[in-house]
Protein backbone atom coordinates (compact mmCIF):
# COMPACT_ATOMS: atom_id res chain seq x y z
CA GLN A 1 1.73 -1.66 -44.85
CA VAL A 2 -1.05 -2.52 -42.41
CA GLN A 3 -0.47 -1.44 -38.84
CA LEU A 4 -2.62 -2.18 -35.81
CA GLN A 5 -2.44 -0.66 -32.35
CA GLU A 6 -4.52 -1.82 -29.38
CA SER A 7 -5.54 0.20 -26.34
CA GLY A 8 -8.05 0.05 -23.52
CA GLY A 9 -6.86 -2.89 -21.46
CA GLY A 10 -6.73 -2.75 -17.69
CA SER A 11 -7.76 -4.37 -14.44
CA VAL A 12 -11.38 -4.83 -13.41
CA GLN A 13 -13.35 -6.89 -10.95
CA SER A 14 -15.47 -9.83 -11.98
CA GLY A 15 -18.71 -8.61 -13.56
CA GLY A 16 -17.13 -5.40 -14.78
CA SER A 17 -16.70 -4.05 -18.30
CA LEU A 18 -13.90 -2.86 -20.56
CA ARG A 19 -13.77 -1.62 -24.12
CA LEU A 20 -10.73 -2.43 -26.20
CA SER A 21 -9.83 -0.36 -29.24
CA CYS A 22 -7.70 -1.24 -32.25
CA ALA A 23 -6.60 1.62 -34.48
CA ASP A 24 -5.79 0.46 -37.98
CA SER A 25 -3.88 2.08 -40.81
CA GLY A 26 -3.18 0.92 -44.33
CA LEU A 27 -6.04 -1.60 -44.34
CA SER A 28 -8.25 -1.80 -47.43
CA TYR A 29 -11.87 -1.55 -46.39
CA SER A 30 -13.17 -3.06 -49.61
CA LEU A 31 -12.33 -6.56 -48.37
CA TYR A 32 -11.09 -7.43 -44.93
CA CYS A 33 -11.40 -9.74 -41.99
CA MET A 34 -10.60 -8.37 -38.53
CA GLY A 35 -10.83 -9.78 -35.07
CA TRP A 36 -9.54 -10.22 -31.56
CA PHE A 37 -7.68 -13.12 -30.05
CA ARG A 38 -6.24 -13.65 -26.60
CA GLN A 39 -3.42 -15.58 -25.05
CA THR A 40 -2.33 -16.52 -21.56
CA PRO A 41 1.09 -18.01 -20.70
CA GLY A 42 1.25 -21.69 -21.47
CA LYS A 43 -1.96 -21.72 -23.48
CA GLU A 44 -2.67 -21.54 -27.18
CA ARG A 45 -3.98 -18.39 -28.78
CA GLU A 46 -7.77 -18.28 -28.78
CA GLY A 47 -9.83 -16.22 -31.19
CA VAL A 48 -12.77 -14.53 -29.47
CA ALA A 49 -14.49 -12.39 -32.11
CA ALA A 50 -14.37 -11.47 -35.78
CA ILE A 51 -15.93 -8.94 -38.14
CA ASP A 52 -15.64 -8.69 -41.91
CA SER A 53 -16.14 -6.09 -44.62
CA ASP A 54 -19.74 -7.27 -45.12
CA GLY A 55 -20.49 -6.55 -41.48
CA ASN A 56 -20.74 -10.21 -40.49
CA THR A 57 -19.70 -10.93 -36.92
CA ALA A 58 -18.82 -14.13 -35.14
CA TYR A 59 -17.93 -15.04 -31.58
CA ALA A 60 -16.39 -17.84 -29.62
CA ASP A 61 -18.94 -19.66 -27.47
CA SER A 62 -17.09 -18.60 -24.33
CA VAL A 63 -17.81 -14.90 -24.95
CA LYS A 64 -21.10 -15.01 -26.85
CA GLY A 65 -23.64 -12.69 -25.29
CA ARG A 66 -20.97 -10.85 -23.28
CA PHE A 67 -18.60 -9.42 -25.91
CA THR A 68 -19.50 -7.24 -28.92
CA ILE A 69 -17.20 -6.49 -31.83
CA SER A 70 -17.65 -3.45 -34.06
CA HIS A 71 -15.71 -1.36 -36.56
CA ASP A 72 -15.98 2.39 -37.02
CA TYR A 73 -14.78 3.19 -40.54
CA ALA A 74 -14.69 6.92 -39.97
CA LYS A 75 -12.32 6.49 -37.03
CA SER A 76 -10.40 3.56 -38.55
CA THR A 77 -10.92 1.76 -35.27
CA MET A 78 -12.23 -1.64 -34.28
CA TYR A 79 -13.70 -2.17 -30.83
CA LEU A 80 -14.35 -5.04 -28.49
CA GLN A 81 -16.91 -4.21 -25.82
CA MET A 82 -16.50 -6.71 -23.01
CA ASN A 83 -19.24 -6.99 -20.39
CA SER A 84 -19.81 -9.38 -17.49
CA LEU A 85 -16.11 -10.11 -17.39
CA LYS A 86 -14.91 -13.25 -15.64
CA PRO A 87 -11.51 -14.15 -14.18
CA GLU A 88 -11.06 -16.63 -17.03
CA ASP A 89 -11.15 -13.71 -19.47
CA THR A 90 -7.78 -12.59 -18.09
CA ALA A 91 -5.28 -12.60 -20.97
CA MET A 92 -3.27 -10.49 -23.35
CA TYR A 93 -5.66 -9.39 -26.07
CA TYR A 94 -4.49 -8.80 -29.63
CA CYS A 95 -6.25 -7.39 -32.64
CA ALA A 96 -5.63 -9.01 -36.00
CA ALA A 97 -6.57 -8.32 -39.60
CA ASP A 98 -6.10 -9.45 -43.17
CA GLU A 99 -7.39 -8.37 -46.56
CA ILE A 100 -9.24 -11.60 -47.26
CA ARG A 101 -12.66 -13.15 -46.93
CA CYS A 102 -12.96 -15.22 -43.79
CA ASP A 103 -16.66 -16.03 -43.41
CA ARG A 104 -16.32 -19.48 -44.96
CA ALA A 105 -13.22 -20.31 -42.93
CA ILE A 106 -14.99 -19.22 -39.75
CA GLN A 107 -18.01 -21.37 -40.62
CA ALA A 108 -15.75 -24.34 -41.15
CA LEU A 109 -13.16 -23.88 -38.43
CA GLY A 110 -14.59 -21.37 -35.98
CA VAL A 111 -13.46 -18.00 -34.71
CA MET A 112 -11.10 -19.59 -32.21
CA ALA A 113 -8.96 -21.11 -34.95
CA VAL A 114 -9.20 -18.50 -37.70
CA VAL A 115 -8.57 -15.15 -36.01
CA PRO A 116 -5.13 -15.95 -34.53
CA GLU A 117 -3.93 -16.86 -38.03
CA LEU A 118 -4.76 -13.52 -39.66
CA LYS A 119 -1.73 -11.91 -41.24
CA TYR A 120 -1.42 -8.63 -39.34
CA ARG A 121 -1.38 -8.27 -35.55
CA GLY A 122 -0.95 -5.57 -32.96
CA GLN A 123 1.29 -5.60 -29.90
CA GLY A 124 -1.44 -6.55 -27.48
CA THR A 125 -3.13 -5.05 -24.43
CA GLN A 126 -3.45 -6.78 -21.06
CA VAL A 127 -6.84 -7.50 -19.51
CA THR A 128 -6.93 -8.69 -15.90
CA VAL A 129 -10.17 -9.69 -14.18
CA SER A 130 -10.07 -10.32 -10.44
CA SER A 131 -12.63 -12.33 -8.52
């Protein structure tokens, strides 16, 4: 049973930084796809970043150059470093994972569409950016 638990959300001013963490358990590291998506009330879920077992990373255009995704195997934790935060980044952030390849799907459909559809998800952590 794969379990995911996010932490690290909070409130920051525009231009600030936050680092989200996602502790995973039960996930096979031989083949996986992991990522972060976000959601605000009344809007669809939006994938923002992904990383796979080959170390490939991908980002939504809206966060490229500002967000960095990484995975520390030793700590069984995935991170999302968020810099230069903007008010439009305000959302509930979720980590997601599945034991599949996703590089081809991401090439075809994009991070925004693929990550929210991964099988396993955490409970979410709120990020609020004030102007």
